[in-house]
PDB file of N, CA and C in Angstrom:
ATOM      1  N   MET A   1     -75.129-156.114  46.900  1.00  0.00           N
ATOM      2  CA  MET A   1     -75.503-158.142  47.486  1.00  0.00           C
ATOM      3  C   MET A   1     -75.528-158.536  46.403  1.00  0.00           C
ATOM      4  N   ASP A   2     -74.884-159.036  46.179  1.00  0.00           N
ATOM      5  CA  ASP A   2     -74.287-160.301  45.624  1.00  0.00           C
ATOM      6  C   ASP A   2     -75.227-161.337  45.238  1.00  0.00           C
ATOM      7  N   ALA A   3     -74.980-162.980  43.963  1.00  0.00           N
ATOM      8  CA  ALA A   3     -76.230-163.983  44.428  1.00  0.00           C
ATOM      9  C   ALA A   3     -75.212-164.793  45.533  1.00  0.00           C
ATOM     10  N   ALA A   4     -73.998-165.040  45.648  1.00  0.00           N
ATOM     11  CA  ALA A   4     -73.407-166.106  46.535  1.00  0.00           C
ATOM     12  C   ALA A   4     -74.116-165.017  47.683  1.00  0.00           C
ATOM     13  N   ALA A   5     -74.177-163.795  47.798  1.00  0.00           N
ATOM     14  CA  ALA A   5     -74.411-163.292  50.006  1.00  0.00           C
ATOM     15  C   ALA A   5     -75.918-163.414  49.668  1.00  0.00           C
ATOM     16  N   LEU A   6     -77.001-163.291  48.819  1.00  0.00           N
ATOM     17  CA  LEU A   6     -77.854-163.430  49.036  1.00  0.00           C
ATOM     18  C   LEU A   6     -77.855-164.993  49.391  1.00  0.00           C
ATOM     19  N   ARG A   7     -77.736-165.858  48.851  1.00  0.00           N
ATOM     20  CA  ARG A   7     -78.031-167.200  48.726  1.00  0.00           C
ATOM     21  C   ARG A   7     -77.347-167.397  50.408  1.00  0.00           C
ATOM     22  N   ASP A   8     -76.146-166.756  50.862  1.00  0.00           N
ATOM     23  CA  ASP A   8     -75.796-167.140  52.160  1.00  0.00           C
ATOM     24  C   ASP A   8     -76.308-166.484  53.071  1.00  0.00           C
ATOM     25  N   PHE A   9     -76.697-165.641  52.622  1.00  0.00           N
ATOM     26  CA  PHE A   9     -77.819-164.722  54.539  1.00  0.00           C
ATOM     27  C   PHE A   9     -79.019-165.159  54.144  1.00  0.00           C
ATOM     28  N   CYS A  10     -79.992-166.068  53.141  1.00  0.00           N
ATOM     29  CA  CYS A  10     -80.558-167.190  53.167  1.00  0.00           C
ATOM     30  C   CYS A  10     -80.482-167.971  54.427  1.00  0.00           C
ATOM     31  N   LEU A  11     -79.894-168.607  53.342  1.00  0.00           N
ATOM     32  CA  LEU A  11     -79.166-169.889  54.343  1.00  0.00           C
ATOM     33  C   LEU A  11     -78.681-169.158  55.805  1.00  0.00           C
ATOM     34  N   GLU A  12     -78.912-168.790  56.042  1.00  0.00           N
ATOM     35  CA  GLU A  12     -78.598-168.203  57.766  1.00  0.00           C
ATOM     36  C   GLU A  12     -79.569-168.031  58.767  1.00  0.00           C
ATOM     37  N   GLN A  13     -80.837-167.938  57.912  1.00  0.00           N
ATOM     38  CA  GLN A  13     -82.441-167.723  58.276  1.00  0.00           C
ATOM     39  C   GLN A  13     -82.295-169.341  59.229  1.00  0.00           C
ATOM     40  N   ALA A  14     -82.483-169.381  60.283  1.00  0.00           N
ATOM     41  CA  ALA A  14     -82.903-170.668  61.075  1.00  0.00           C
ATOM     42  C   ALA A  14     -83.471-171.207  60.851  1.00  0.00           C
ATOM     43  N   GLY A  15     -83.098-172.600  60.238  1.00  0.00           N
ATOM     44  CA  GLY A  15     -83.930-174.151  60.182  1.00  0.00           C
ATOM     45  C   GLY A  15     -84.691-174.046  58.533  1.00  0.00           C
ATOM     46  N   SER A  16     -83.751-173.132  57.215  1.00  0.00           N
ATOM     47  CA  SER A  16     -83.982-173.057  55.829  1.00  0.00           C
ATOM     48  C   SER A  16     -83.230-174.226  55.324  1.00  0.00           C
ATOM     49  N   ASP A  17     -83.513-174.126  54.184  1.00  0.00           N
ATOM     50  CA  ASP A  17     -82.806-174.561  53.010  1.00  0.00           C
ATOM     51  C   ASP A  17     -83.294-174.449  52.606  1.00  0.00           C
ATOM     52  N   GLU A  18     -82.558-174.745  51.080  1.00  0.00           N
ATOM     53  CA  GLU A  18     -83.215-174.873  49.390  1.00  0.00           C
ATOM     54  C   GLU A  18     -82.367-175.753  49.170  1.00  0.00           C
ATOM     55  N   SER A  19     -84.020-174.842  47.831  1.00  0.00           N
ATOM     56  CA  SER A  19     -83.706-176.509  46.611  1.00  0.00           C
ATOM     57  C   SER A  19     -84.126-175.808  45.235  1.00  0.00           C
ATOM     58  N   PHE A  20     -84.235-176.373  44.278  1.00  0.00           N
ATOM     59  CA  PHE A  20     -84.773-175.902  42.773  1.00  0.00           C
ATOM     60  C   PHE A  20     -86.252-176.971  42.476  1.00  0.00           C
ATOM     61  N   PRO A  21     -87.671-176.357  42.689  1.00  0.00           N
ATOM     62  CA  PRO A  21     -88.200-177.536  42.844  1.00  0.00           C
ATOM     63  C   PRO A  21     -88.637-176.842  41.198  1.00  0.00           C
ATOM     64  N   PHE A  22     -88.371-175.801  40.287  1.00  0.00           N
ATOM     65  CA  PHE A  22     -88.886-175.134  39.843  1.00  0.00           C
ATOM     66  C   PHE A  22     -87.800-174.778  38.485  1.00  0.00           C
ATOM     67  N   GLY A  23     -86.760-175.828  39.182  1.00  0.00           N
ATOM     68  CA  GLY A  23     -85.977-175.930  38.562  1.00  0.00           C
ATOM     69  C   GLY A  23     -84.827-175.077  37.828  1.00  0.00           C
ATOM     70  N   PRO A  24     -83.365-175.391  37.728  1.00  0.00           N
ATOM     71  CA  PRO A  24     -82.181-175.321  38.082  1.00  0.00           C
ATOM     72  C   PRO A  24     -81.638-174.052  38.311  1.00  0.00           C
ATOM     73  N   HIS A  25     -82.259-173.393  37.562  1.00  0.00           N
ATOM     74  CA  HIS A  25     -82.255-171.761  37.734  1.00  0.00           C
ATOM     75  C   HIS A  25     -83.146-170.922  38.442  1.00  0.00           C
ATOM     76  N   THR A  26     -83.776-171.295  39.606  1.00  0.00           N
ATOM     77  CA  THR A  26     -84.385-171.276  40.504  1.00  0.00           C
ATOM     78  C   THR A  26     -84.813-171.430  42.186  1.00  0.00           C
ATOM     79  N   ALA A  27     -83.715-170.315  43.348  1.00  0.00           N
ATOM     80  CA  ALA A  27     -83.114-171.490  44.534  1.00  0.00           C
ATOM     81  C   ALA A  27     -84.481-171.366  45.383  1.00  0.00           C
ATOM     82  N   VAL A  28     -85.610-171.727  45.791  1.00  0.00           N
ATOM     83  CA  VAL A  28     -85.994-171.154  46.471  1.00  0.00           C
ATOM     84  C   VAL A  28     -85.321-171.803  47.811  1.00  0.00           C
ATOM     85  N   PHE A  29     -86.420-170.968  48.514  1.00  0.00           N
ATOM     86  CA  PHE A  29     -85.503-171.301  49.990  1.00  0.00           C
ATOM     87  C   PHE A  29     -86.733-171.272  50.987  1.00  0.00           C
ATOM     88  N   LYS A  30     -87.111-172.619  52.130  1.00  0.00           N
ATOM     89  CA  LYS A  30     -87.605-172.845  52.772  1.00  0.00           C
ATOM     90  C   LYS A  30     -87.334-173.054  53.922  1.00  0.00           C
ATOM     91  N   VAL A  31     -88.185-173.023  55.081  1.00  0.00           N
ATOM     92  CA  VAL A  31     -88.630-172.905  56.641  1.00  0.00           C
ATOM     93  C   VAL A  31     -89.953-174.191  56.610  1.00  0.00           C
ATOM     94  N   GLY A  32     -89.471-175.165  57.439  1.00  0.00           N
ATOM     95  CA  GLY A  32     -90.344-175.611  57.516  1.00  0.00           C
ATOM     96  C   GLY A  32     -91.047-175.719  56.745  1.00  0.00           C
ATOM     97  N   GLY A  33     -90.950-176.527  55.727  1.00  0.00           N
ATOM     98  CA  GLY A  33     -91.974-176.718  54.174  1.00  0.00           C
ATOM     99  C   GLY A  33     -92.095-175.593  53.478  1.00  0.00           C
ATOM    100  N   LYS A  34     -91.937-174.086  54.367  1.00  0.00           N
ATOM    101  CA  LYS A  34     -92.891-173.133  53.460  1.00  0.00           C
ATOM    102  C   LYS A  34     -92.118-172.719  53.080  1.00  0.00           C
ATOM    103  N   ILE A  35     -92.313-171.564  51.659  1.00  0.00           N
ATOM    104  CA  ILE A  35     -91.800-171.019  50.996  1.00  0.00           C
ATOM    105  C   ILE A  35     -91.219-169.978  51.773  1.00  0.00           C
ATOM    106  N   PHE A  36     -90.031-168.809  51.765  1.00  0.00           N
ATOM    107  CA  PHE A  36     -90.214-167.738  52.313  1.00  0.00           C
ATOM    108  C   PHE A  36     -89.474-166.511  51.336  1.00  0.00           C
ATOM    109  N   ALA A  37     -88.284-167.375  50.191  1.00  0.00           N
ATOM    110  CA  ALA A  37     -87.283-166.620  49.418  1.00  0.00           C
ATOM    111  C   ALA A  37     -87.713-167.160  48.442  1.00  0.00           C
ATOM    112  N   LEU A  38     -87.432-166.596  47.070  1.00  0.00           N
ATOM    113  CA  LEU A  38     -87.458-167.546  45.629  1.00  0.00           C
ATOM    114  C   LEU A  38     -86.132-166.493  44.628  1.00  0.00           C
ATOM    115  N   ALA A  39     -85.391-167.132  44.376  1.00  0.00           N
ATOM    116  CA  ALA A  39     -84.664-166.077  42.810  1.00  0.00           C
ATOM    117  C   ALA A  39     -83.550-167.243  42.084  1.00  0.00           C
ATOM    118  N   PRO A  40     -83.162-166.483  41.818  1.00  0.00           N
ATOM    119  CA  PRO A  40     -83.042-166.895  40.330  1.00  0.00           C
ATOM    120  C   PRO A  40     -81.524-166.532  40.050  1.00  0.00           C
ATOM    121  N   LEU A  41     -80.888-167.135  41.232  1.00  0.00           N
ATOM    122  CA  LEU A  41     -78.903-166.613  41.669  1.00  0.00           C
ATOM    123  C   LEU A  41     -78.083-166.547  39.604  1.00  0.00           C
ATOM    124  N   ASP A  42     -78.672-167.428  39.223  1.00  0.00           N
ATOM    125  CA  ASP A  42     -77.500-166.715  37.504  1.00  0.00           C
ATOM    126  C   ASP A  42     -78.306-165.704  36.994  1.00  0.00           C
ATOM    127  N   GLN A  43     -79.032-166.119  37.280  1.00  0.00           N
ATOM    128  CA  GLN A  43     -80.191-164.783  35.160  1.00  0.00           C
ATOM    129  C   GLN A  43     -80.535-163.433  36.669  1.00  0.00           C
ATOM    130  N   PRO A  44     -79.313-162.683  35.259  1.00  0.00           N
ATOM    131  CA  PRO A  44     -79.743-161.135  35.390  1.00  0.00           C
ATOM    132  C   PRO A  44     -80.682-160.677  35.426  1.00  0.00           C
ATOM    133  N   PRO A  45     -81.585-160.452  35.258  1.00  0.00           N
ATOM    134  CA  PRO A  45     -80.396-159.342  36.577  1.00  0.00           C
ATOM    135  C   PRO A  45     -81.291-160.231  38.470  1.00  0.00           C
ATOM    136  N   LEU A  46     -80.248-159.869  39.285  1.00  0.00           N
ATOM    137  CA  LEU A  46     -80.589-160.856  40.700  1.00  0.00           C
ATOM    138  C   LEU A  46     -82.224-159.624  41.096  1.00  0.00           C
ATOM    139  N   THR A  47     -82.026-160.810  41.539  1.00  0.00           N
ATOM    140  CA  THR A  47     -84.008-160.691  41.798  1.00  0.00           C
ATOM    141  C   THR A  47     -84.036-161.503  43.380  1.00  0.00           C
ATOM    142  N   VAL A  48     -84.910-160.813  43.717  1.00  0.00           N
ATOM    143  CA  VAL A  48     -85.521-161.791  45.026  1.00  0.00           C
ATOM    144  C   VAL A  48     -86.320-161.906  45.615  1.00  0.00           C
ATOM    145  N   SER A  49     -87.712-163.095  45.627  1.00  0.00           N
ATOM    146  CA  SER A  49     -89.141-162.747  46.115  1.00  0.00           C
ATOM    147  C   SER A  49     -89.652-163.413  47.133  1.00  0.00           C
ATOM    148  N   VAL A  50     -90.124-162.314  48.233  1.00  0.00           N
ATOM    149  CA  VAL A  50     -90.377-162.001  49.427  1.00  0.00           C
ATOM    150  C   VAL A  50     -91.554-161.683  49.641  1.00  0.00           C
ATOM    151  N   LYS A  51     -91.845-162.605  51.278  1.00  0.00           N
ATOM    152  CA  LYS A  51     -93.492-162.883  51.769  1.00  0.00           C
ATOM    153  C   LYS A  51     -93.217-161.581  53.071  1.00  0.00           C
ATOM    154  N   GLY A  52     -94.932-161.086  52.680  1.00  0.00           N
ATOM    155  CA  GLY A  52     -93.712-159.614  53.304  1.00  0.00           C
ATOM    156  C   GLY A  52     -95.845-159.043  53.767  1.00  0.00           C
ATOM    157  N   ASN A  53     -96.385-158.118  54.728  1.00  0.00           N
ATOM    158  CA  ASN A  53     -97.134-157.924  55.377  1.00  0.00           C
ATOM    159  C   ASN A  53     -97.948-156.423  54.155  1.00  0.00           C
ATOM    160  N   PRO A  54     -99.082-157.323  53.848  1.00  0.00           N
ATOM    161  CA  PRO A  54     -99.430-156.450  52.604  1.00  0.00           C
ATOM    162  C   PRO A  54     -99.582-154.729  52.282  1.00  0.00           C
ATOM    163  N   GLU A  55     -99.626-154.359  53.684  1.00  0.00           N
ATOM    164  CA  GLU A  55     -99.417-152.430  53.723  1.00  0.00           C
ATOM    165  C   GLU A  55     -98.300-151.742  53.730  1.00  0.00           C
ATOM    166  N   LEU A  56     -97.364-152.962  54.343  1.00  0.00           N
ATOM    167  CA  LEU A  56     -95.556-152.852  54.046  1.00  0.00           C
ATOM    168  C   LEU A  56     -95.613-152.489  53.004  1.00  0.00           C
ATOM    169  N   LEU A  57     -96.153-153.806  52.162  1.00  0.00           N
ATOM    170  CA  LEU A  57     -95.431-154.293  51.240  1.00  0.00           C
ATOM    171  C   LEU A  57     -95.279-152.927  50.182  1.00  0.00           C
ATOM    172  N   GLU A  58     -96.971-152.626  50.352  1.00  0.00           N
ATOM    173  CA  GLU A  58     -97.534-151.861  48.693  1.00  0.00           C
ATOM    174  C   GLU A  58     -97.058-150.236  49.872  1.00  0.00           C
ATOM    175  N   SER A  59     -96.070-149.550  50.508  1.00  0.00           N
ATOM    176  CA  SER A  59     -96.055-148.492  50.960  1.00  0.00           C
ATOM    177  C   SER A  59     -93.894-148.732  49.935  1.00  0.00           C
ATOM    178  N   LEU A  60     -93.628-149.857  50.784  1.00  0.00           N
ATOM    179  CA  LEU A  60     -92.342-149.870  50.161  1.00  0.00           C
ATOM    180  C   LEU A  60     -92.510-150.022  48.445  1.00  0.00           C
ATOM    181  N   ARG A  61     -93.556-150.264  47.536  1.00  0.00           N
ATOM    182  CA  ARG A  61     -93.092-150.763  46.297  1.00  0.00           C
ATOM    183  C   ARG A  61     -93.661-149.283  45.790  1.00  0.00           C
ATOM    184  N   SER A  62     -94.449-148.178  46.269  1.00  0.00           N
ATOM    185  CA  SER A  62     -94.712-146.877  46.187  1.00  0.00           C
ATOM    186  C   SER A  62     -92.736-146.245  45.743  1.00  0.00           C
ATOM    187  N   ASP A  63     -92.597-146.479  47.431  1.00  0.00           N
ATOM    188  CA  ASP A  63     -91.286-145.628  47.299  1.00  0.00           C
ATOM    189  C   ASP A  63     -90.355-146.442  46.206  1.00  0.00           C
ATOM    190  N   TYR A  64     -89.952-147.899  46.007  1.00  0.00           N
ATOM    191  CA  TYR A  64     -88.945-147.691  45.329  1.00  0.00           C
ATOM    192  C   TYR A  64     -88.867-148.567  44.434  1.00  0.00           C
ATOM    193  N   PRO A  65     -89.215-148.039  42.942  1.00  0.00           N
ATOM    194  CA  PRO A  65     -88.965-149.124  41.094  1.00  0.00           C
ATOM    195  C   PRO A  65     -88.863-150.386  41.779  1.00  0.00           C
ATOM    196  N   SER A  66     -87.898-150.568  42.269  1.00  0.00           N
ATOM    197  CA  SER A  66     -87.147-151.404  42.308  1.00  0.00           C
ATOM    198  C   SER A  66     -87.837-152.684  42.989  1.00  0.00           C
ATOM    199  N   ILE A  67     -89.029-152.048  44.062  1.00  0.00           N
ATOM    200  CA  ILE A  67     -89.840-153.120  44.169  1.00  0.00           C
ATOM    201  C   ILE A  67     -90.836-153.709  43.625  1.00  0.00           C
ATOM    202  N   VAL A  68     -91.496-154.695  42.921  1.00  0.00           N
ATOM    203  CA  VAL A  68     -93.017-155.040  42.012  1.00  0.00           C
ATOM    204  C   VAL A  68     -93.721-155.844  43.057  1.00  0.00           C
ATOM    205  N   PRO A  69     -95.455-156.394  42.872  1.00  0.00           N
ATOM    206  CA  PRO A  69     -95.734-156.924  43.366  1.00  0.00           C
ATOM    207  C   PRO A  69     -95.007-158.427  42.702  1.00  0.00           C
ATOM    208  N   GLY A  70     -94.667-159.031  43.195  1.00  0.00           N
ATOM    209  CA  GLY A  70     -94.229-160.690  43.790  1.00  0.00           C
ATOM    210  C   GLY A  70     -94.873-161.566  41.393  1.00  0.00           C
ATOM    211  N   TYR A  71     -93.309-161.660  41.587  1.00  0.00           N
ATOM    212  CA  TYR A  71     -93.723-162.906  39.681  1.00  0.00           C
ATOM    213  C   TYR A  71     -94.018-163.776  40.200  1.00  0.00           C
ATOM    214  N   HIS A  72     -95.100-164.720  39.271  1.00  0.00           N
ATOM    215  CA  HIS A  72     -95.540-165.365  39.512  1.00  0.00           C
ATOM    216  C   HIS A  72     -96.450-166.177  40.792  1.00  0.00           C
ATOM    217  N   LEU A  73     -96.923-164.755  42.089  1.00  0.00           N
ATOM    218  CA  LEU A  73     -97.035-164.753  42.608  1.00  0.00           C
ATOM    219  C   LEU A  73     -97.372-164.064  43.512  1.00  0.00           C
ATOM    220  N   ASN A  74     -98.348-164.517  44.430  1.00  0.00           N
ATOM    221  CA  ASN A  74    -100.132-163.222  45.261  1.00  0.00           C
ATOM    222  C   ASN A  74     -99.200-161.702  45.068  1.00  0.00           C
ATOM    223  N   LYS A  75     -99.613-161.592  44.153  1.00  0.00           N
ATOM    224  CA  LYS A  75     -99.415-159.712  43.707  1.00  0.00           C
ATOM    225  C   LYS A  75     -99.630-158.777  45.000  1.00  0.00           C
ATOM    226  N   ARG A  76    -100.105-159.833  46.430  1.00  0.00           N
ATOM    227  CA  ARG A  76    -100.623-159.445  47.257  1.00  0.00           C
ATOM    228  C   ARG A  76    -100.070-159.061  48.556  1.00  0.00           C
ATOM    229  N   HIS A  77     -99.761-160.400  48.575  1.00  0.00           N
ATOM    230  CA  HIS A  77     -98.364-160.958  49.610  1.00  0.00           C
ATOM    231  C   HIS A  77     -96.833-160.917  49.617  1.00  0.00           C
ATOM    232  N   TRP A  78     -97.048-161.282  48.004  1.00  0.00           N
ATOM    233  CA  TRP A  78     -95.561-160.912  47.706  1.00  0.00           C
ATOM    234  C   TRP A  78     -94.744-159.976  46.719  1.00  0.00           C
ATOM    235  N   VAL A  79     -93.800-159.722  47.315  1.00  0.00           N
ATOM    236  CA  VAL A  79     -92.915-158.920  46.228  1.00  0.00           C
ATOM    237  C   VAL A  79     -91.736-159.687  45.955  1.00  0.00           C
ATOM    238  N   THR A  80     -91.443-158.764  44.745  1.00  0.00           N
ATOM    239  CA  THR A  80     -90.053-159.101  43.699  1.00  0.00           C
ATOM    240  C   THR A  80     -89.242-157.925  43.536  1.00  0.00           C
ATOM    241  N   ILE A  81     -87.662-158.539  44.409  1.00  0.00           N
ATOM    242  CA  ILE A  81     -86.827-156.838  44.463  1.00  0.00           C
ATOM    243  C   ILE A  81     -85.698-157.376  43.874  1.00  0.00           C
ATOM    244  N   THR A  82     -85.957-155.922  42.327  1.00  0.00           N
ATOM    245  CA  THR A  82     -83.981-155.803  42.101  1.00  0.00           C
ATOM    246  C   THR A  82     -83.366-156.003  43.180  1.00  0.00           C
ATOM    247  N   LEU A  83     -81.666-156.267  42.863  1.00  0.00           N
ATOM    248  CA  LEU A  83     -80.905-156.617  44.250  1.00  0.00           C
ATOM    249  C   LEU A  83     -80.413-155.592  43.350  1.00  0.00           C
ATOM    250  N   ASN A  84     -79.222-154.104  44.218  1.00  0.00           N
ATOM    251  CA  ASN A  84     -78.247-153.517  43.972  1.00  0.00           C
ATOM    252  C   ASN A  84     -78.750-152.578  42.983  1.00  0.00           C
ATOM    253  N   ALA A  85     -80.067-151.867  42.804  1.00  0.00           N
ATOM    254  CA  ALA A  85     -80.973-150.993  42.443  1.00  0.00           C
ATOM    255  C   ALA A  85     -81.335-149.645  43.545  1.00  0.00           C
ATOM    256  N   ASP A  86     -82.443-149.411  44.127  1.00  0.00           N
ATOM    257  CA  ASP A  86     -82.210-147.930  44.913  1.00  0.00           C
ATOM    258  C   ASP A  86     -83.389-149.019  46.355  1.00  0.00           C
ATOM    259  N   ALA A  87     -83.488-149.888  46.301  1.00  0.00           N
ATOM    260  CA  ALA A  87     -83.532-150.720  47.300  1.00  0.00           C
ATOM    261  C   ALA A  87     -82.358-150.984  48.481  1.00  0.00           C
ATOM    262  N   PRO A  88     -82.352-149.844  49.552  1.00  0.00           N
ATOM    263  CA  PRO A  88     -80.382-150.597  50.112  1.00  0.00           C
ATOM    264  C   PRO A  88     -80.682-151.890  50.494  1.00  0.00           C
ATOM    265  N   ASP A  89     -78.928-152.724  50.572  1.00  0.00           N
ATOM    266  CA  ASP A  89     -79.125-154.329  51.178  1.00  0.00           C
ATOM    267  C   ASP A  89     -79.621-153.835  52.139  1.00  0.00           C
ATOM    268  N   ALA A  90     -80.164-153.237  53.166  1.00  0.00           N
ATOM    269  CA  ALA A  90     -80.079-153.652  54.855  1.00  0.00           C
ATOM    270  C   ALA A  90     -81.696-154.186  54.830  1.00  0.00           C
ATOM    271  N   LEU A  91     -82.612-153.216  53.883  1.00  0.00           N
ATOM    272  CA  LEU A  91     -83.441-153.257  53.620  1.00  0.00           C
ATOM    273  C   LEU A  91     -84.136-154.543  53.006  1.00  0.00           C
ATOM    274  N   VAL A  92     -83.309-155.259  52.260  1.00  0.00           N
ATOM    275  CA  VAL A  92     -83.604-156.178  51.913  1.00  0.00           C
ATOM    276  C   VAL A  92     -82.988-157.666  52.128  1.00  0.00           C
ATOM    277  N   ARG A  93     -82.830-157.256  53.860  1.00  0.00           N
ATOM    278  CA  ARG A  93     -82.124-158.247  54.304  1.00  0.00           C
ATOM    279  C   ARG A  93     -83.214-158.326  55.537  1.00  0.00           C
ATOM    280  N   ASP A  94     -83.876-156.906  55.402  1.00  0.00           N
ATOM    281  CA  ASP A  94     -85.151-157.724  56.326  1.00  0.00           C
ATOM    282  C   ASP A  94     -86.161-157.738  55.121  1.00  0.00           C
ATOM    283  N   LEU A  95     -86.537-157.320  55.081  1.00  0.00           N
ATOM    284  CA  LEU A  95     -87.537-158.420  54.110  1.00  0.00           C
ATOM    285  C   LEU A  95     -87.485-159.742  54.153  1.00  0.00           C
ATOM    286  N   ILE A  96     -86.627-160.650  53.523  1.00  0.00           N
ATOM    287  CA  ILE A  96     -86.028-161.817  53.734  1.00  0.00           C
ATOM    288  C   ILE A  96     -86.500-162.353  55.448  1.00  0.00           C
ATOM    289  N   GLU A  97     -86.032-161.207  56.135  1.00  0.00           N
ATOM    290  CA  GLU A  97     -86.114-161.790  57.555  1.00  0.00           C
ATOM    291  C   GLU A  97     -87.229-162.035  58.279  1.00  0.00           C
ATOM    292  N   ASP A  98     -88.373-160.841  57.591  1.00  0.00           N
ATOM    293  CA  ASP A  98     -89.472-161.412  57.953  1.00  0.00           C
ATOM    294  C   ASP A  98     -90.230-161.670  57.017  1.00  0.00           C
ATOM    295  N   SER A  99     -89.918-162.294  55.886  1.00  0.00           N
ATOM    296  CA  SER A  99     -91.115-163.527  54.792  1.00  0.00           C
ATOM    297  C   SER A  99     -90.417-164.722  55.963  1.00  0.00           C
ATOM    298  N   HIS A 100     -88.881-164.327  56.512  1.00  0.00           N
ATOM    299  CA  HIS A 100     -88.746-165.919  57.089  1.00  0.00           C
ATOM    300  C   HIS A 100     -90.035-165.941  58.010  1.00  0.00           C
ATOM    301  N   ASP A 101     -89.207-165.351  59.094  1.00  0.00           N
ATOM    302  CA  ASP A 101     -90.476-165.301  60.418  1.00  0.00           C
ATOM    303  C   ASP A 101     -91.890-164.661  60.532  1.00  0.00           C
ATOM    304  N   LEU A 102     -92.256-164.913  59.218  1.00  0.00           N
ATOM    305  CA  LEU A 102     -93.985-164.768  58.967  1.00  0.00           C
ATOM    306  C   LEU A 102     -94.457-166.350  58.269  1.00  0.00           C
ATOM    307  N   VAL A 103     -93.206-166.886  57.611  1.00  0.00           N
ATOM    308  CA  VAL A 103     -93.883-168.353  57.010  1.00  0.00           C
ATOM    309  C   VAL A 103     -93.863-169.410  58.530  1.00  0.00           C
ATOM    310  N   ARG A 104     -92.893-169.481  59.203  1.00  0.00           N
ATOM    311  CA  ARG A 104     -92.118-170.329  60.199  1.00  0.00           C
ATOM    312  C   ARG A 104     -93.503-170.318  61.138  1.00  0.00           C
TER     313      ARG A 104
END
């Protein structure tokens, strides 16, 4: 998944919008004013941070080295995923959808 596909997928989520409150390099995707994904779209490596169920996220961190505790976020409820590494794109899309559903 490239940056354009990641951005498009986040914006496809119902009611989502994009803003840059942390500067021009980090896209923040929100629904109902609540963040569901953050991604520095123009800085390699491509990553996305998403919110999720703590037990599931803990398991995924054990299974995939590219999924780590959320960068500058609550480490229990957020993960940062390096894209195009060992986590399949389908899993990344599922986690983005789950994050969107959790905060809406």
